[in-house]
Amino acid sequence: RIKIADVIENEWFKKGYMPPVFEQADVSLDDVNSIFSGSMDSDSIVFERQEEGPVAPVTMNAFELISKSQGLNLGSLFEKQM
């Protein structure tokens, strides 16, 4: 089998190949610094709401799970015909 390094060095692979050009963007951190500076008023700060205690996940047995799903409703199998 041919290795990746051999494929990259092959003339056929390099035909029309142009290496990528990465531009260095001029980044200004003034906006970021203004957000994190201490000059913000307390009305514009958003806080995460904390729950009072740990919330346990809902537990269901297989029959409850099946009855919750519309596509898997097996109620007609257990109903008596009159």
PDB file of N, CA and C in Angstrom:
ATOM      1  N   ARG A   1       0.841  -1.188   0.000  1.00  0.00           N
ATOM      2  CA  ARG A   1       0.000   0.000   0.000  1.00  0.00           C
ATOM      3  C   ARG A   1       0.879   1.241   0.000  1.00  0.00           C
ATOM      4  N   ILE A   2       0.376   2.277  -0.626  1.00  0.00           N
ATOM      5  CA  ILE A   2       1.112   3.538  -0.663  1.00  0.00           C
ATOM      6  C   ILE A   2       0.814   4.329   0.614  1.00  0.00           C
ATOM      7  N   LYS A   3       1.791   5.028   1.069  1.00  0.00           N
ATOM      8  CA  LYS A   3       1.643   5.824   2.282  1.00  0.00           C
ATOM      9  C   LYS A   3       1.238   7.244   1.914  1.00  0.00           C
ATOM     10  N   ILE A   4       0.636   7.939   2.845  1.00  0.00           N
ATOM     11  CA  ILE A   4       0.178   9.313   2.621  1.00  0.00           C
ATOM     12  C   ILE A   4       1.340  10.213   2.230  1.00  0.00           C
ATOM     13  N   ALA A   5       2.468  10.050   2.878  1.00  0.00           N
ATOM     14  CA  ALA A   5       3.631  10.877   2.550  1.00  0.00           C
ATOM     15  C   ALA A   5       4.042  10.672   1.100  1.00  0.00           C
ATOM     16  N   ASP A   6       3.945   9.430   0.585  1.00  0.00           N
ATOM     17  CA  ASP A   6       4.293   9.156  -0.807  1.00  0.00           C
ATOM     18  C   ASP A   6       3.282   9.775  -1.760  1.00  0.00           C
ATOM     19  N   VAL A   7       1.999   9.770  -1.394  1.00  0.00           N
ATOM     20  CA  VAL A   7       0.975  10.378  -2.239  1.00  0.00           C
ATOM     21  C   VAL A   7       1.205  11.876  -2.347  1.00  0.00           C
ATOM     22  N   ILE A   8       1.511  12.517  -1.245  1.00  0.00           N
ATOM     23  CA  ILE A   8       1.713  13.965  -1.238  1.00  0.00           C
ATOM     24  C   ILE A   8       2.924  14.347  -2.084  1.00  0.00           C
ATOM     25  N   GLU A   9       3.933  13.540  -2.126  1.00  0.00           N
ATOM     26  CA  GLU A   9       5.142  13.835  -2.895  1.00  0.00           C
ATOM     27  C   GLU A   9       4.996  13.508  -4.387  1.00  0.00           C
ATOM     28  N   ASN A  10       3.941  12.821  -4.781  1.00  0.00           N
ATOM     29  CA  ASN A  10       3.741  12.434  -6.171  1.00  0.00           C
ATOM     30  C   ASN A  10       3.449  13.665  -7.030  1.00  0.00           C
ATOM     31  N   GLU A  11       3.986  13.701  -8.279  1.00  0.00           N
ATOM     32  CA  GLU A  11       3.781  14.836  -9.180  1.00  0.00           C
ATOM     33  C   GLU A  11       2.310  15.002  -9.540  1.00  0.00           C
ATOM     34  N   TRP A  12       1.603  13.897  -9.734  1.00  0.00           N
ATOM     35  CA  TRP A  12       0.195  13.964 -10.116  1.00  0.00           C
ATOM     36  C   TRP A  12      -0.630  14.641  -9.016  1.00  0.00           C
ATOM     37  N   PHE A  13      -0.299  14.367  -7.764  1.00  0.00           N
ATOM     38  CA  PHE A  13      -1.013  14.966  -6.643  1.00  0.00           C
ATOM     39  C   PHE A  13      -0.746  16.462  -6.573  1.00  0.00           C
ATOM     40  N   LYS A  14       0.475  16.877  -6.891  1.00  0.00           N
ATOM     41  CA  LYS A  14       0.854  18.280  -6.778  1.00  0.00           C
ATOM     42  C   LYS A  14       0.388  19.118  -7.962  1.00  0.00           C
ATOM     43  N   LYS A  15      -0.144  18.514  -9.023  1.00  0.00           N
ATOM     44  CA  LYS A  15      -0.556  19.242 -10.210  1.00  0.00           C
ATOM     45  C   LYS A  15      -1.690  20.205  -9.853  1.00  0.00           C
ATOM     46  N   GLY A  16      -1.436  21.480 -10.031  1.00  0.00           N
ATOM     47  CA  GLY A  16      -2.428  22.503  -9.726  1.00  0.00           C
ATOM     48  C   GLY A  16      -2.584  22.788  -8.243  1.00  0.00           C
ATOM     49  N   TYR A  17      -1.715  22.254  -7.430  1.00  0.00           N
ATOM     50  CA  TYR A  17      -1.813  22.446  -5.976  1.00  0.00           C
ATOM     51  C   TYR A  17      -1.338  23.831  -5.595  1.00  0.00           C
ATOM     52  N   MET A  18      -2.144  24.511  -4.801  1.00  0.00           N
ATOM     53  CA  MET A  18      -1.753  25.814  -4.263  1.00  0.00           C
ATOM     54  C   MET A  18      -1.850  25.721  -2.746  1.00  0.00           C
ATOM     55  N   PRO A  19      -0.759  25.950  -2.040  1.00  0.00           N
ATOM     56  CA  PRO A  19      -0.814  25.862  -0.574  1.00  0.00           C
ATOM     57  C   PRO A  19      -1.749  26.929  -0.009  1.00  0.00           C
ATOM     58  N   PRO A  20      -2.402  26.649   1.096  1.00  0.00           N
ATOM     59  CA  PRO A  20      -3.332  27.620   1.674  1.00  0.00           C
ATOM     60  C   PRO A  20      -2.598  28.850   2.200  1.00  0.00           C
ATOM     61  N   VAL A  21      -3.269  29.989   2.064  1.00  0.00           N
ATOM     62  CA  VAL A  21      -2.722  31.245   2.557  1.00  0.00           C
ATOM     63  C   VAL A  21      -3.594  31.697   3.714  1.00  0.00           C
ATOM     64  N   PHE A  22      -3.004  31.845   4.864  1.00  0.00           N
ATOM     65  CA  PHE A  22      -3.730  32.262   6.053  1.00  0.00           C
ATOM     66  C   PHE A  22      -3.448  33.725   6.321  1.00  0.00           C
ATOM     67  N   GLU A  23      -4.529  34.494   6.410  1.00  0.00           N
ATOM     68  CA  GLU A  23      -4.379  35.922   6.677  1.00  0.00           C
ATOM     69  C   GLU A  23      -4.442  36.167   8.178  1.00  0.00           C
ATOM     70  N   GLN A  24      -3.619  37.057   8.625  1.00  0.00           N
ATOM     71  CA  GLN A  24      -3.640  37.438  10.029  1.00  0.00           C
ATOM     72  C   GLN A  24      -4.617  38.593  10.189  1.00  0.00           C
ATOM     73  N   ALA A  25      -5.711  38.355  10.870  1.00  0.00           N
ATOM     74  CA  ALA A  25      -6.712  39.396  11.089  1.00  0.00           C
ATOM     75  C   ALA A  25      -6.269  40.290  12.233  1.00  0.00           C
ATOM     76  N   ASP A  26      -6.495  41.586  12.052  1.00  0.00           N
ATOM     77  CA  ASP A  26      -6.198  42.530  13.128  1.00  0.00           C
ATOM     78  C   ASP A  26      -7.341  42.466  14.126  1.00  0.00           C
ATOM     79  N   VAL A  27      -7.040  41.955  15.299  1.00  0.00           N
ATOM     80  CA  VAL A  27      -8.062  41.776  16.327  1.00  0.00           C
ATOM     81  C   VAL A  27      -7.879  42.845  17.386  1.00  0.00           C
ATOM     82  N   SER A  28      -8.973  43.514  17.684  1.00  0.00           N
ATOM     83  CA  SER A  28      -8.947  44.515  18.734  1.00  0.00           C
ATOM     84  C   SER A  28      -9.671  43.952  19.947  1.00  0.00           C
ATOM     85  N   LEU A  29      -9.028  43.960  21.063  1.00  0.00           N
ATOM     86  CA  LEU A  29      -9.621  43.436  22.294  1.00  0.00           C
ATOM     87  C   LEU A  29     -10.291  44.518  23.122  1.00  0.00           C
ATOM     88  N   ASP A  30     -10.475  45.699  22.535  1.00  0.00           N
ATOM     89  CA  ASP A  30     -11.096  46.797  23.285  1.00  0.00           C
ATOM     90  C   ASP A  30     -12.518  46.444  23.707  1.00  0.00           C
ATOM     91  N   ASP A  31     -13.296  45.815  22.790  1.00  0.00           N
ATOM     92  CA  ASP A  31     -14.673  45.448  23.133  1.00  0.00           C
ATOM     93  C   ASP A  31     -14.701  44.413  24.251  1.00  0.00           C
ATOM     94  N   VAL A  32     -13.819  43.438  24.165  1.00  0.00           N
ATOM     95  CA  VAL A  32     -13.772  42.388  25.184  1.00  0.00           C
ATOM     96  C   VAL A  32     -13.370  42.979  26.525  1.00  0.00           C
ATOM     97  N   ASN A  33     -12.381  43.827  26.518  1.00  0.00           N
ATOM     98  CA  ASN A  33     -11.929  44.436  27.770  1.00  0.00           C
ATOM     99  C   ASN A  33     -13.004  45.332  28.376  1.00  0.00           C
ATOM    100  N   SER A  34     -13.783  46.024  27.536  1.00  0.00           N
ATOM    101  CA  SER A  34     -14.825  46.898  28.075  1.00  0.00           C
ATOM    102  C   SER A  34     -15.941  46.089  28.726  1.00  0.00           C
ATOM    103  N   ILE A  35     -16.196  44.882  28.204  1.00  0.00           N
ATOM    104  CA  ILE A  35     -17.232  44.041  28.801  1.00  0.00           C
ATOM    105  C   ILE A  35     -16.809  43.561  30.187  1.00  0.00           C
ATOM    106  N   PHE A  36     -15.557  43.161  30.301  1.00  0.00           N
ATOM    107  CA  PHE A  36     -15.087  42.591  31.561  1.00  0.00           C
ATOM    108  C   PHE A  36     -14.522  43.625  32.529  1.00  0.00           C
ATOM    109  N   SER A  37     -14.591  44.885  32.179  1.00  0.00           N
ATOM    110  CA  SER A  37     -14.104  45.901  33.112  1.00  0.00           C
ATOM    111  C   SER A  37     -15.141  46.092  34.223  1.00  0.00           C
ATOM    112  N   GLY A  38     -14.768  46.699  35.285  1.00  0.00           N
ATOM    113  CA  GLY A  38     -15.641  46.855  36.448  1.00  0.00           C
ATOM    114  C   GLY A  38     -16.645  47.975  36.313  1.00  0.00           C
ATOM    115  N   SER A  39     -16.786  48.590  35.132  1.00  0.00           N
ATOM    116  CA  SER A  39     -17.672  49.740  34.994  1.00  0.00           C
ATOM    117  C   SER A  39     -19.112  49.373  34.684  1.00  0.00           C
ATOM    118  N   MET A  40     -19.465  48.104  34.747  1.00  0.00           N
ATOM    119  CA  MET A  40     -20.838  47.694  34.432  1.00  0.00           C
ATOM    120  C   MET A  40     -21.740  47.904  35.639  1.00  0.00           C
ATOM    121  N   ASP A  41     -22.990  48.309  35.384  1.00  0.00           N
ATOM    122  CA  ASP A  41     -23.937  48.445  36.485  1.00  0.00           C
ATOM    123  C   ASP A  41     -24.602  47.097  36.752  1.00  0.00           C
ATOM    124  N   SER A  42     -25.132  46.929  37.933  1.00  0.00           N
ATOM    125  CA  SER A  42     -25.670  45.629  38.340  1.00  0.00           C
ATOM    126  C   SER A  42     -26.955  45.274  37.613  1.00  0.00           C
ATOM    127  N   ASP A  43     -27.622  46.232  36.959  1.00  0.00           N
ATOM    128  CA  ASP A  43     -28.861  45.936  36.237  1.00  0.00           C
ATOM    129  C   ASP A  43     -28.598  45.155  34.954  1.00  0.00           C
ATOM    130  N   SER A  44     -27.415  45.277  34.385  1.00  0.00           N
ATOM    131  CA  SER A  44     -27.128  44.626  33.108  1.00  0.00           C
ATOM    132  C   SER A  44     -26.421  43.282  33.263  1.00  0.00           C
ATOM    133  N   ILE A  45     -26.208  42.842  34.494  1.00  0.00           N
ATOM    134  CA  ILE A  45     -25.528  41.569  34.724  1.00  0.00           C
ATOM    135  C   ILE A  45     -26.560  40.455  34.779  1.00  0.00           C
ATOM    136  N   VAL A  46     -26.289  39.353  34.092  1.00  0.00           N
ATOM    137  CA  VAL A  46     -27.197  38.211  34.063  1.00  0.00           C
ATOM    138  C   VAL A  46     -26.621  37.122  34.957  1.00  0.00           C
ATOM    139  N   PHE A  47     -27.457  36.604  35.850  1.00  0.00           N
ATOM    140  CA  PHE A  47     -27.036  35.555  36.759  1.00  0.00           C
ATOM    141  C   PHE A  47     -27.741  34.264  36.394  1.00  0.00           C
ATOM    142  N   GLU A  48     -27.086  33.154  36.614  1.00  0.00           N
ATOM    143  CA  GLU A  48     -27.682  31.849  36.378  1.00  0.00           C
ATOM    144  C   GLU A  48     -28.533  31.475  37.575  1.00  0.00           C
ATOM    145  N   ARG A  49     -29.748  31.013  37.293  1.00  0.00           N
ATOM    146  CA  ARG A  49     -30.646  30.628  38.378  1.00  0.00           C
ATOM    147  C   ARG A  49     -30.240  29.250  38.884  1.00  0.00           C
ATOM    148  N   GLN A  50     -30.093  29.128  40.165  1.00  0.00           N
ATOM    149  CA  GLN A  50     -29.706  27.871  40.792  1.00  0.00           C
ATOM    150  C   GLN A  50     -30.950  27.165  41.313  1.00  0.00           C
ATOM    151  N   GLU A  51     -31.039  25.873  41.105  1.00  0.00           N
ATOM    152  CA  GLU A  51     -32.135  25.088  41.653  1.00  0.00           C
ATOM    153  C   GLU A  51     -31.897  24.881  43.141  1.00  0.00           C
ATOM    154  N   GLU A  52     -32.970  24.718  43.880  1.00  0.00           N
ATOM    155  CA  GLU A  52     -32.860  24.590  45.319  1.00  0.00           C
ATOM    156  C   GLU A  52     -32.170  23.306  45.753  1.00  0.00           C
ATOM    157  N   GLY A  53     -32.452  22.222  45.080  1.00  0.00           N
ATOM    158  CA  GLY A  53     -31.852  20.950  45.446  1.00  0.00           C
ATOM    159  C   GLY A  53     -31.686  20.098  44.207  1.00  0.00           C
ATOM    160  N   PRO A  54     -31.030  18.979  44.355  1.00  0.00           N
ATOM    161  CA  PRO A  54     -30.857  18.118  43.186  1.00  0.00           C
ATOM    162  C   PRO A  54     -32.204  17.549  42.741  1.00  0.00           C
ATOM    163  N   VAL A  55     -32.422  17.570  41.446  1.00  0.00           N
ATOM    164  CA  VAL A  55     -33.672  17.060  40.894  1.00  0.00           C
ATOM    165  C   VAL A  55     -33.409  15.665  40.360  1.00  0.00           C
ATOM    166  N   ALA A  56     -34.165  14.706  40.861  1.00  0.00           N
ATOM    167  CA  ALA A  56     -33.983  13.315  40.441  1.00  0.00           C
ATOM    168  C   ALA A  56     -34.688  13.088  39.114  1.00  0.00           C
ATOM    169  N   PRO A  57     -34.115  12.293  38.236  1.00  0.00           N
ATOM    170  CA  PRO A  57     -34.784  12.000  36.969  1.00  0.00           C
ATOM    171  C   PRO A  57     -36.042  11.168  37.204  1.00  0.00           C
ATOM    172  N   VAL A  58     -36.993  11.309  36.302  1.00  0.00           N
ATOM    173  CA  VAL A  58     -38.246  10.570  36.419  1.00  0.00           C
ATOM    174  C   VAL A  58     -37.967   9.110  36.095  1.00  0.00           C
ATOM    175  N   THR A  59     -38.440   8.224  36.958  1.00  0.00           N
ATOM    176  CA  THR A  59     -38.247   6.800  36.707  1.00  0.00           C
ATOM    177  C   THR A  59     -39.544   6.206  36.201  1.00  0.00           C
ATOM    178  N   MET A  60     -39.445   5.363  35.173  1.00  0.00           N
ATOM    179  CA  MET A  60     -40.605   4.696  34.597  1.00  0.00           C
ATOM    180  C   MET A  60     -40.253   3.249  34.337  1.00  0.00           C
ATOM    181  N   ASN A  61     -41.254   2.403  34.450  1.00  0.00           N
ATOM    182  CA  ASN A  61     -41.012   1.028  34.035  1.00  0.00           C
ATOM    183  C   ASN A  61     -41.316   0.929  32.540  1.00  0.00           C
ATOM    184  N   ALA A  62     -41.106  -0.222  31.950  1.00  0.00           N
ATOM    185  CA  ALA A  62     -41.255  -0.391  30.511  1.00  0.00           C
ATOM    186  C   ALA A  62     -42.682  -0.115  30.050  1.00  0.00           C
ATOM    187  N   PHE A  63     -43.677  -0.520  30.828  1.00  0.00           N
ATOM    188  CA  PHE A  63     -45.061  -0.325  30.430  1.00  0.00           C
ATOM    189  C   PHE A  63     -45.437   1.150  30.429  1.00  0.00           C
ATOM    190  N   GLU A  64     -44.955   1.911  31.407  1.00  0.00           N
ATOM    191  CA  GLU A  64     -45.217   3.343  31.435  1.00  0.00           C
ATOM    192  C   GLU A  64     -44.558   4.039  30.253  1.00  0.00           C
ATOM    193  N   LEU A  65     -43.354   3.625  29.936  1.00  0.00           N
ATOM    194  CA  LEU A  65     -42.632   4.213  28.809  1.00  0.00           C
ATOM    195  C   LEU A  65     -43.353   3.946  27.495  1.00  0.00           C
ATOM    196  N   ILE A  66     -43.830   2.719  27.300  1.00  0.00           N
ATOM    197  CA  ILE A  66     -44.549   2.369  26.079  1.00  0.00           C
ATOM    198  C   ILE A  66     -45.863   3.139  25.985  1.00  0.00           C
ATOM    199  N   SER A  67     -46.555   3.314  27.101  1.00  0.00           N
ATOM    200  CA  SER A  67     -47.842   4.015  27.069  1.00  0.00           C
ATOM    201  C   SER A  67     -47.661   5.503  26.773  1.00  0.00           C
ATOM    202  N   LYS A  68     -46.514   6.076  27.072  1.00  0.00           N
ATOM    203  CA  LYS A  68     -46.247   7.488  26.782  1.00  0.00           C
ATOM    204  C   LYS A  68     -45.984   7.710  25.295  1.00  0.00           C
ATOM    205  N   SER A  69     -45.516   6.708  24.599  1.00  0.00           N
ATOM    206  CA  SER A  69     -45.190   6.833  23.189  1.00  0.00           C
ATOM    207  C   SER A  69     -46.420   6.549  22.351  1.00  0.00           C
ATOM    208  N   GLN A  70     -46.800   7.476  21.469  1.00  0.00           N
ATOM    209  CA  GLN A  70     -48.003   7.309  20.662  1.00  0.00           C
ATOM    210  C   GLN A  70     -47.850   6.170  19.669  1.00  0.00           C
ATOM    211  N   GLY A  71     -46.677   6.010  19.088  1.00  0.00           N
ATOM    212  CA  GLY A  71     -46.471   4.981  18.082  1.00  0.00           C
ATOM    213  C   GLY A  71     -46.417   3.582  18.657  1.00  0.00           C
ATOM    214  N   LEU A  72     -46.174   3.468  19.953  1.00  0.00           N
ATOM    215  CA  LEU A  72     -46.048   2.154  20.575  1.00  0.00           C
ATOM    216  C   LEU A  72     -47.186   1.864  21.546  1.00  0.00           C
ATOM    217  N   ASN A  73     -48.319   2.502  21.370  1.00  0.00           N
ATOM    218  CA  ASN A  73     -49.445   2.309  22.281  1.00  0.00           C
ATOM    219  C   ASN A  73     -50.028   0.918  22.068  1.00  0.00           C
ATOM    220  N   LEU A  74     -49.952   0.085  23.086  1.00  0.00           N
ATOM    221  CA  LEU A  74     -50.435  -1.288  23.012  1.00  0.00           C
ATOM    222  C   LEU A  74     -51.756  -1.470  23.753  1.00  0.00           C
ATOM    223  N   GLY A  75     -52.446  -0.364  24.041  1.00  0.00           N
ATOM    224  CA  GLY A  75     -53.695  -0.426  24.803  1.00  0.00           C
ATOM    225  C   GLY A  75     -54.761  -1.256  24.115  1.00  0.00           C
ATOM    226  N   SER A  76     -54.787  -1.265  22.788  1.00  0.00           N
ATOM    227  CA  SER A  76     -55.818  -2.022  22.076  1.00  0.00           C
ATOM    228  C   SER A  76     -55.633  -3.525  22.262  1.00  0.00           C
ATOM    229  N   LEU A  77     -54.481  -3.997  22.583  1.00  0.00           N
ATOM    230  CA  LEU A  77     -54.235  -5.420  22.798  1.00  0.00           C
ATOM    231  C   LEU A  77     -54.851  -5.901  24.110  1.00  0.00           C
ATOM    232  N   PHE A  78     -54.957  -4.999  25.077  1.00  0.00           N
ATOM    233  CA  PHE A  78     -55.409  -5.397  26.401  1.00  0.00           C
ATOM    234  C   PHE A  78     -56.885  -5.063  26.663  1.00  0.00           C
ATOM    235  N   GLU A  79     -57.524  -4.325  25.762  1.00  0.00           N
ATOM    236  CA  GLU A  79     -58.916  -3.950  25.967  1.00  0.00           C
ATOM    237  C   GLU A  79     -59.805  -5.129  25.532  1.00  0.00           C
ATOM    238  N   LYS A  80     -60.893  -5.325  26.275  1.00  0.00           N
ATOM    239  CA  LYS A  80     -61.833  -6.399  25.939  1.00  0.00           C
ATOM    240  C   LYS A  80     -62.794  -5.906  24.891  1.00  0.00           C
ATOM    241  N   GLN A  81     -63.113  -6.755  23.962  1.00  0.00           N
ATOM    242  CA  GLN A  81     -64.105  -6.404  22.942  1.00  0.00           C
ATOM    243  C   GLN A  81     -65.486  -6.729  23.485  1.00  0.00           C
ATOM    244  N   MET A  82     -66.432  -5.843  23.255  1.00  0.00           N
ATOM    245  CA  MET A  82     -67.796  -6.038  23.744  1.00  0.00           C
ATOM    246  C   MET A  82     -68.732  -6.354  22.598  1.00  0.00           C
TER     247      MET A  82
END
